[in-house]
Amino acid sequence: MVTVLGTSMVLFTVIYAERKGWVDKKKVRVIMQVGMNIGILGSLLYFLYTLSSFLPFL
């Protein structure tokens, strides 16, 4: 729950900064893509870790 709230606060802060003109759209796009890629990679690694606990012979 805390992770979801923290992530949404960061997302809304980046959107607010973009609309105020503090950062340009290209930087926001790069930040969002890197963040999504890290999130996907983290989820995949967590899934493999959880799967390895069910399959100890791997």
C-alpha atoms as a PDB file:
ATOM      1  CA  MET A   1       0.000   0.000   0.000  1.00  0.00           C
ATOM      2  CA  VAL A   2       2.786   2.410   0.896  1.00  0.00           C
ATOM      3  CA  THR A   3       4.621   1.529  -2.312  1.00  0.00           C
ATOM      4  CA  VAL A   4       1.562   2.277  -4.427  1.00  0.00           C
ATOM      5  CA  LEU A   5       0.991   5.603  -2.697  1.00  0.00           C
ATOM      6  CA  GLY A   6       4.657   6.578  -2.997  1.00  0.00           C
ATOM      7  CA  THR A   7       4.776   5.657  -6.672  1.00  0.00           C
ATOM      8  CA  SER A   8       1.612   7.585  -7.441  1.00  0.00           C
ATOM      9  CA  MET A   9       2.951  10.631  -5.581  1.00  0.00           C
ATOM     10  CA  VAL A  10       6.133  10.542  -7.665  1.00  0.00           C
ATOM     11  CA  LEU A  11       4.085  10.161 -10.853  1.00  0.00           C
ATOM     12  CA  PHE A  12       1.839  13.114 -10.028  1.00  0.00           C
ATOM     13  CA  THR A  13       4.853  15.217  -9.018  1.00  0.00           C
ATOM     14  CA  VAL A  14       6.523  14.556 -12.381  1.00  0.00           C
ATOM     15  CA  ILE A  15       3.281  15.409 -14.207  1.00  0.00           C
ATOM     16  CA  TYR A  16       2.934  18.624 -12.168  1.00  0.00           C
ATOM     17  CA  ALA A  17       6.549  19.605 -12.885  1.00  0.00           C
ATOM     18  CA  GLU A  18       6.025  18.980 -16.590  1.00  0.00           C
ATOM     19  CA  ARG A  19       2.922  21.145 -16.709  1.00  0.00           C
ATOM     20  CA  LYS A  20       4.666  23.955 -14.831  1.00  0.00           C
ATOM     21  CA  GLY A  21       7.500  23.836 -17.347  1.00  0.00           C
ATOM     22  CA  TRP A  22      10.195  22.826 -14.865  1.00  0.00           C
ATOM     23  CA  VAL A  23      11.176  19.802 -16.990  1.00  0.00           C
ATOM     24  CA  ASP A  24      10.691  19.145 -20.674  1.00  0.00           C
ATOM     25  CA  LYS A  25       8.638  16.344 -22.170  1.00  0.00           C
ATOM     26  CA  LYS A  26      11.669  14.447 -23.440  1.00  0.00           C
ATOM     27  CA  LYS A  27      13.139  14.144 -19.929  1.00  0.00           C
ATOM     28  CA  VAL A  28       9.796  13.053 -18.517  1.00  0.00           C
ATOM     29  CA  ARG A  29       9.479  10.393 -21.213  1.00  0.00           C
ATOM     30  CA  VAL A  30      12.949   9.038 -20.412  1.00  0.00           C
ATOM     31  CA  ILE A  31      12.218   9.028 -16.666  1.00  0.00           C
ATOM     32  CA  MET A  32       8.926   7.182 -17.198  1.00  0.00           C
ATOM     33  CA  GLN A  33      10.454   4.591 -19.544  1.00  0.00           C
ATOM     34  CA  VAL A  34      13.386   3.892 -17.233  1.00  0.00           C
ATOM     35  CA  GLY A  35      11.036   3.641 -14.258  1.00  0.00           C
ATOM     36  CA  MET A  36       8.730   1.234 -16.051  1.00  0.00           C
ATOM     37  CA  ASN A  37      11.653  -0.913 -17.196  1.00  0.00           C
ATOM     38  CA  ILE A  38      13.044  -1.085 -13.650  1.00  0.00           C
ATOM     39  CA  GLY A  39       9.610  -1.987 -12.311  1.00  0.00           C
ATOM     40  CA  ILE A  40       9.150  -4.745 -14.877  1.00  0.00           C
ATOM     41  CA  LEU A  41      12.632  -6.111 -14.188  1.00  0.00           C
ATOM     42  CA  GLY A  42      12.044  -6.039 -10.432  1.00  0.00           C
ATOM     43  CA  SER A  43       8.733  -7.845 -10.801  1.00  0.00           C
ATOM     44  CA  LEU A  44      10.329 -10.490 -13.010  1.00  0.00           C
ATOM     45  CA  LEU A  45      13.191 -11.051 -10.572  1.00  0.00           C
ATOM     46  CA  TYR A  46      10.750 -11.303  -7.651  1.00  0.00           C
ATOM     47  CA  PHE A  47       8.653 -13.798  -9.619  1.00  0.00           C
ATOM     48  CA  LEU A  48      11.726 -15.931 -10.360  1.00  0.00           C
ATOM     49  CA  TYR A  49      12.763 -15.780  -6.706  1.00  0.00           C
ATOM     50  CA  THR A  50       9.288 -16.881  -5.597  1.00  0.00           C
ATOM     51  CA  LEU A  51       9.223 -19.608  -8.224  1.00  0.00           C
ATOM     52  CA  SER A  52      12.606 -20.910  -7.071  1.00  0.00           C
ATOM     53  CA  SER A  53      11.255 -21.417  -3.547  1.00  0.00           C
ATOM     54  CA  PHE A  54       8.617 -23.787  -4.970  1.00  0.00           C
ATOM     55  CA  LEU A  55      11.130 -25.575  -7.168  1.00  0.00           C
ATOM     56  CA  PRO A  56      14.220 -26.113  -5.005  1.00  0.00           C
ATOM     57  CA  PHE A  57      15.934 -28.331  -7.560  1.00  0.00           C
ATOM     58  CA  LEU A  58      16.437 -25.430 -10.006  1.00  0.00           C
END
